[in-house]
Protein backbone atom coordinates (compact mmCIF):
# COMPACT_ATOMS: atom_id res chain seq x y z
CA MET A 1 -50.46 214.16 225.18
CA THR A 2 -50.79 217.91 225.35
CA ASP A 3 -53.84 220.06 225.51
CA GLY A 4 -53.41 222.71 222.80
CA ASP A 5 -50.00 224.40 222.90
CA GLY A 6 -49.52 224.63 226.62
CA VAL A 7 -50.26 221.69 228.98
CA GLY A 8 -48.81 218.14 228.91
CA GLN A 9 -50.44 214.92 229.99
CA ASP A 10 -49.35 215.40 233.62
CA GLY A 11 -50.53 218.99 233.71
CA VAL A 12 -47.05 220.42 233.16
CA GLU A 13 -46.96 223.52 230.91
CA VAL A 14 -44.73 223.13 227.83
CA GLU A 15 -43.27 226.14 225.88
CA SER A 16 -43.13 226.13 222.11
CA GLY A 17 -39.94 227.51 220.48
CA ASP A 18 -39.91 230.12 217.67
CA GLU A 19 -39.83 228.62 214.21
CA GLY A 20 -36.47 228.82 212.39
CA GLY A 21 -34.15 228.84 215.42
CA PRO A 22 -33.35 227.05 218.68
CA THR A 23 -35.48 227.73 221.77
CA ALA A 24 -34.06 229.26 224.87
CA ASP A 25 -34.34 225.83 226.56
CA ALA A 26 -32.65 223.96 223.69
CA PRO A 27 -29.37 222.25 224.55
CA ALA A 28 -26.23 224.37 224.06
CA GLY A 29 -24.96 221.99 221.39
CA SER A 30 -28.08 222.48 219.30
CA ARG A 31 -27.73 226.25 219.48
CA ARG A 32 -24.09 226.04 218.36
CA VAL A 33 -25.00 223.87 215.40
CA TRP A 34 -27.74 226.30 214.39
CA TRP A 35 -25.31 229.29 214.46
CA VAL A 36 -22.68 227.36 212.51
CA TRP A 37 -25.18 226.66 209.76
CA ALA A 38 -26.32 230.30 209.73
CA LEU A 39 -22.73 231.47 209.43
CA LEU A 40 -22.06 229.01 206.62
CA ALA A 41 -25.10 230.29 204.77
CA VAL A 42 -23.82 233.88 204.98
CA VAL A 43 -20.38 232.81 203.76
CA VAL A 44 -21.91 230.94 200.82
CA VAL A 45 -23.92 234.01 199.83
CA LEU A 46 -20.87 236.30 200.05
CA VAL A 47 -18.63 233.90 198.11
CA GLY A 48 -21.30 233.50 195.48
CA ALA A 49 -21.70 237.24 195.12
CA TYR A 50 -17.94 237.72 194.74
CA ALA A 51 -17.66 234.84 192.28
CA SER A 52 -20.45 236.29 190.19
CA THR A 53 -18.51 239.55 189.79
CA ARG A 54 -15.49 237.58 188.55
CA SER A 55 -17.41 235.36 186.17
CA GLY A 56 -17.54 235.66 182.42
CA LEU A 57 -21.07 237.00 182.71
CA LEU A 58 -19.68 240.25 184.15
CA ASP A 59 -16.57 240.67 182.02
CA VAL A 60 -15.90 243.78 179.93
CA ASP A 61 -17.57 243.16 176.60
CA GLU A 62 -17.30 246.65 175.11
CA LEU A 63 -15.57 250.00 175.62
CA MET A 64 -17.68 252.86 174.27
CA VAL A 65 -15.85 256.16 173.65
CA HIS A 66 -17.97 259.31 173.18
CA ILE A 67 -15.96 262.36 172.02
CA ASP A 68 -17.23 265.92 171.81
CA GLY A 69 -14.83 267.01 169.06
CA ASP A 70 -13.06 265.60 166.02
CA ARG A 71 -9.37 265.64 166.89
CA LEU A 72 -8.99 262.56 169.10
CA ASP A 73 -8.76 259.06 167.68
CA PRO A 74 -11.07 256.70 169.64
CA ALA A 75 -8.54 253.91 169.12
CA LEU A 76 -5.91 256.00 170.93
CA VAL A 77 -8.31 256.62 173.82
CA GLU A 78 -9.00 252.89 174.05
CA ALA A 79 -5.29 252.11 174.06
CA VAL A 80 -4.40 254.47 176.91
CA SER A 81 -7.52 253.68 178.97
CA GLY A 82 -6.13 250.36 180.15
CA VAL A 83 -9.55 248.73 179.74
CA ARG A 84 -9.28 245.32 178.11
CA SER A 85 -12.05 243.13 176.75
CA GLY A 86 -12.58 240.11 178.96
CA SER A 87 -11.36 241.81 182.14
CA PRO A 88 -13.70 241.61 185.15
CA MET A 89 -15.95 244.64 185.33
CA SER A 90 -15.27 244.80 189.07
CA SER A 91 -11.57 245.42 188.35
CA VAL A 92 -12.27 248.54 186.26
CA SER A 93 -11.75 251.72 188.30
CA PRO A 94 -13.53 254.66 186.61
CA GLU A 95 -11.25 257.11 188.45
CA ALA A 96 -8.06 255.34 187.28
CA VAL A 97 -9.31 255.13 183.70
CA ALA A 98 -10.17 258.85 183.73
CA ARG A 99 -6.68 259.72 185.00
CA ARG A 100 -5.03 257.74 182.22
CA VAL A 101 -7.20 259.28 179.49
CA ALA A 102 -6.72 262.80 180.89
CA VAL A 103 -3.00 262.75 180.01
CA LEU A 104 -3.91 263.08 176.32
CA ALA A 105 -3.26 266.69 175.35
CA TRP A 106 -6.56 267.16 173.52
CA VAL A 107 -8.65 266.08 176.54
CA ALA A 108 -10.25 268.99 178.39
CA ASP A 109 -12.64 266.88 180.49
CA VAL A 110 -13.30 263.15 180.88
CA GLU A 111 -15.86 261.02 182.70
CA VAL A 112 -15.92 257.23 182.95
CA GLU A 113 -18.83 254.97 183.92
CA ARG A 114 -19.28 251.22 184.32
CA ASP A 115 -22.53 250.30 182.56
CA TRP A 116 -23.32 246.85 183.95
CA PRO A 117 -23.19 244.07 183.03
CA GLY A 118 -20.40 244.48 180.46
CA THR A 119 -19.90 247.99 179.05
CA VAL A 120 -17.46 250.72 180.06
CA ARG A 121 -18.32 254.21 178.76
CA VAL A 122 -15.88 257.11 178.39
CA TRP A 123 -17.13 260.65 177.71
CA ILE A 124 -14.57 263.23 176.53
CA VAL A 125 -14.77 266.95 175.86
CA GLU A 126 -11.91 268.10 173.63
CA ARG A 127 -9.85 271.23 173.94
CA GLU A 128 -10.20 273.69 171.06
CA ALA A 129 -7.24 274.80 168.98
CA PHE A 130 -6.89 278.58 169.31
CA VAL A 131 -3.62 279.61 167.65
CA ASN A 132 -0.73 278.23 165.67
CA ALA A 133 2.65 278.55 167.35
CA VAL A 134 5.98 278.66 165.50
CA ASP A 135 9.26 278.53 167.45
CA LEU A 136 12.75 279.74 166.59
CA ASP A 137 13.65 276.37 165.05
CA GLY A 138 10.63 276.42 162.78
CA HIS A 139 8.65 273.82 164.69
CA ARG A 140 4.91 274.36 164.37
CA GLY A 141 2.12 273.30 166.68
CA LEU A 142 -1.36 274.11 167.94
CA LEU A 143 -2.19 275.78 171.26
CA ASP A 144 -5.49 276.21 173.05
CA ARG A 145 -6.73 279.48 174.53
CA ALA A 146 -4.81 278.83 177.77
CA GLY A 147 -1.51 278.17 175.96
CA THR A 148 -1.60 274.37 176.30
CA VAL A 149 0.36 272.62 173.55
CA LEU A 150 -2.13 270.35 171.79
CA GLU A 151 -0.23 268.86 168.87
CA VAL A 152 3.23 269.06 167.28
CA PRO A 153 3.76 269.25 164.36
CA ALA A 154 0.48 270.80 163.30
CA PHE A 155 -0.81 273.93 161.60
CA ASP A 156 -4.26 275.33 160.90
CA SER A 157 -4.34 278.10 158.30
CA ALA A 158 -7.67 279.36 159.65
CA LEU A 159 -6.08 280.35 162.98
CA PRO A 160 -3.78 283.27 163.92
CA THR A 161 -0.10 282.48 164.33
CA VAL A 162 2.14 283.50 167.22
CA ARG A 163 5.93 283.28 167.38
CA VAL A 164 7.46 281.71 170.50
CA ASP A 165 10.98 280.85 171.64
CA SER A 166 10.40 277.12 171.98
CA LEU A 167 7.45 274.76 171.75
CA GLY A 168 6.90 272.35 174.62
CA VAL A 169 5.65 268.80 174.29
CA PRO A 170 1.91 268.18 173.90
CA GLY A 171 0.07 268.53 177.18
CA THR A 172 2.39 271.17 178.64
CA ARG A 173 1.31 274.76 179.11
CA MET A 174 3.44 277.56 177.73
CA THR A 175 4.14 280.52 179.98
CA ASP A 176 4.80 284.20 179.32
CA ILE A 177 2.64 284.33 176.19
CA ASP A 178 -0.47 285.91 177.71
CA LEU A 179 -0.08 289.09 175.65
CA LEU A 180 0.22 287.10 172.45
CA LEU A 181 -2.89 285.10 173.28
CA ALA A 182 -4.81 288.28 174.14
CA ALA A 183 -3.78 289.82 170.82
CA ALA A 184 -4.74 286.66 168.92
CA ALA A 185 -8.19 286.76 170.54
CA ALA A 186 -8.75 290.25 169.11
CA VAL A 187 -7.87 289.37 165.50
CA THR A 188 -10.95 289.75 163.31
CA PRO A 189 -11.51 287.71 160.12
CA ASP A 190 -10.99 290.74 157.88
CA LEU A 191 -7.65 291.49 159.53
CA GLY A 192 -6.60 287.86 159.65
CA LYS A 193 -5.88 287.81 155.92
CA TRP A 194 -3.32 290.61 156.40
CA ILE A 195 -1.51 289.10 159.37
CA VAL A 196 1.40 286.70 159.04
CA ALA A 197 2.21 286.37 162.75
CA LEU A 198 2.05 288.03 166.15
CA VAL A 199 5.46 288.55 167.73
CA PRO A 200 6.44 289.40 171.34
CA THR A 201 8.66 292.46 171.82
CA GLY A 202 10.10 294.33 174.77
CA SER A 203 7.36 296.92 174.37
CA GLY A 204 4.42 294.58 173.83
CA VAL A 205 3.23 292.86 170.65
CA ARG A 206 4.20 293.40 167.04
CA VAL A 207 2.18 292.28 164.04
CA GLU A 208 3.98 290.95 160.99
CA LEU A 209 1.87 291.91 157.97
CA VAL A 210 2.01 290.59 154.44
CA GLY A 211 4.62 292.36 152.34
CA GLY A 212 7.11 292.61 155.22
CA VAL A 213 5.39 295.50 157.01
CA ASP A 214 5.39 295.59 160.83
CA ALA A 215 2.68 297.09 163.02
CA GLU A 216 3.36 297.88 166.67
CA LEU A 217 0.44 297.18 169.00
CA GLY A 218 2.23 297.95 172.26
CA LEU A 219 0.83 296.82 175.62
CA GLY A 220 -2.89 296.84 174.98
CA ASP A 221 -5.52 295.80 177.49
CA ASP A 222 -7.39 293.58 175.07
CA PHE A 223 -6.00 294.95 171.75
CA HIS A 224 -9.43 295.57 170.22
CA ASP A 225 -8.83 299.33 169.93
CA GLU A 226 -5.38 298.78 168.45
CA PHE A 227 -6.70 296.41 165.81
CA ARG A 228 -9.55 298.77 164.91
CA SER A 229 -6.98 301.53 164.39
CA LEU A 230 -4.85 299.18 162.28
CA ALA A 231 -7.83 298.22 160.15
CA THR A 232 -8.55 301.91 159.48
CA VAL A 233 -4.96 302.51 158.37
CA LEU A 234 -4.96 299.51 156.05
CA ALA A 235 -8.21 300.66 154.46
CA TRP A 236 -6.76 304.05 153.49
CA VAL A 237 -3.14 303.44 152.55
CA GLU A 238 -1.25 301.39 150.00
CA LEU A 239 0.56 298.68 151.95
CA SER A 240 3.42 298.48 149.48
CA CYS A 241 4.34 302.09 150.35
CA ILE A 242 4.52 301.49 154.11
CA VAL A 243 7.57 300.52 156.16
CA SER A 244 5.87 300.35 159.56
CA ILE A 245 2.70 301.26 161.43
CA ASP A 246 2.46 302.17 165.10
CA VAL A 247 -1.00 301.89 166.63
CA SER A 248 0.12 301.55 170.25
CA LEU A 249 -1.55 304.95 170.70
CA HIS A 250 -4.63 303.81 168.84
CA ALA A 251 -6.19 307.30 168.68
CA ASN A 252 -3.10 308.63 166.93
CA PRO A 253 -1.56 305.97 164.65
CA VAL A 254 1.83 306.72 163.13
CA VAL A 255 2.61 305.47 159.62
CA LEU A 256 6.15 305.43 158.27
CA ARG A 257 6.19 305.49 154.46
CA ASP A 258 8.87 304.51 151.99
CA GLU A 259 8.88 307.49 149.64
CA TYR A 260 11.24 305.75 147.24
CA ARG A 261 8.88 302.81 146.72
CA CYS A 262 5.86 305.10 146.46
CA SER A 263 7.38 307.57 143.99
């Protein structure tokens, strides 16, 4: 028998081992068995954790698409996202989904989030249509402020129109139209009703007005002064009597009249 925790019947001191593991004096075989069981326990936990992520409890149940804008079809976003109902949530890469959705021309910004246990959320900010574009073949489309082709064919009568050589495919950005875009940005609502299209020329930008009259804007910085000068001319003259207007020197506009038509 022992006396307390320390002394045996013959007066020999006996050490107690720590609970939950082998003592330092335990046989080597016992220690190996203990470590094998500990390792198996860790493996079971890891396998269980992995299996739980692949189980039906953590499958994709719903794809929620939130769009800031009204041009994109949520069904189209869902189709290109690559996210399928019933797929393991762990297999959904938010970065990969965002890259796939970003190829849509109307998408300006996109964020994707896994909302555990079974929802994938996609937030999209749309680009804004800025001008109509008409090419030499009569194809019509919408561009944003940076010149990105958003949709072909398409036309919005509330927007200014620019003439271009050729329209690219949606998602591409048109080059060499910065002056046209700058001029379009300066068009005011009262002038918009007079303007048919903005046209590039070797000397800048020309405005096609209703009735077949052309107005030369030249190479303006932001074209606000040129359009103010044009608005003043249109307020004081009969458009049907005019052949052309030159407001490239906005402080001194030049108006060419058709005396025959005005007689």
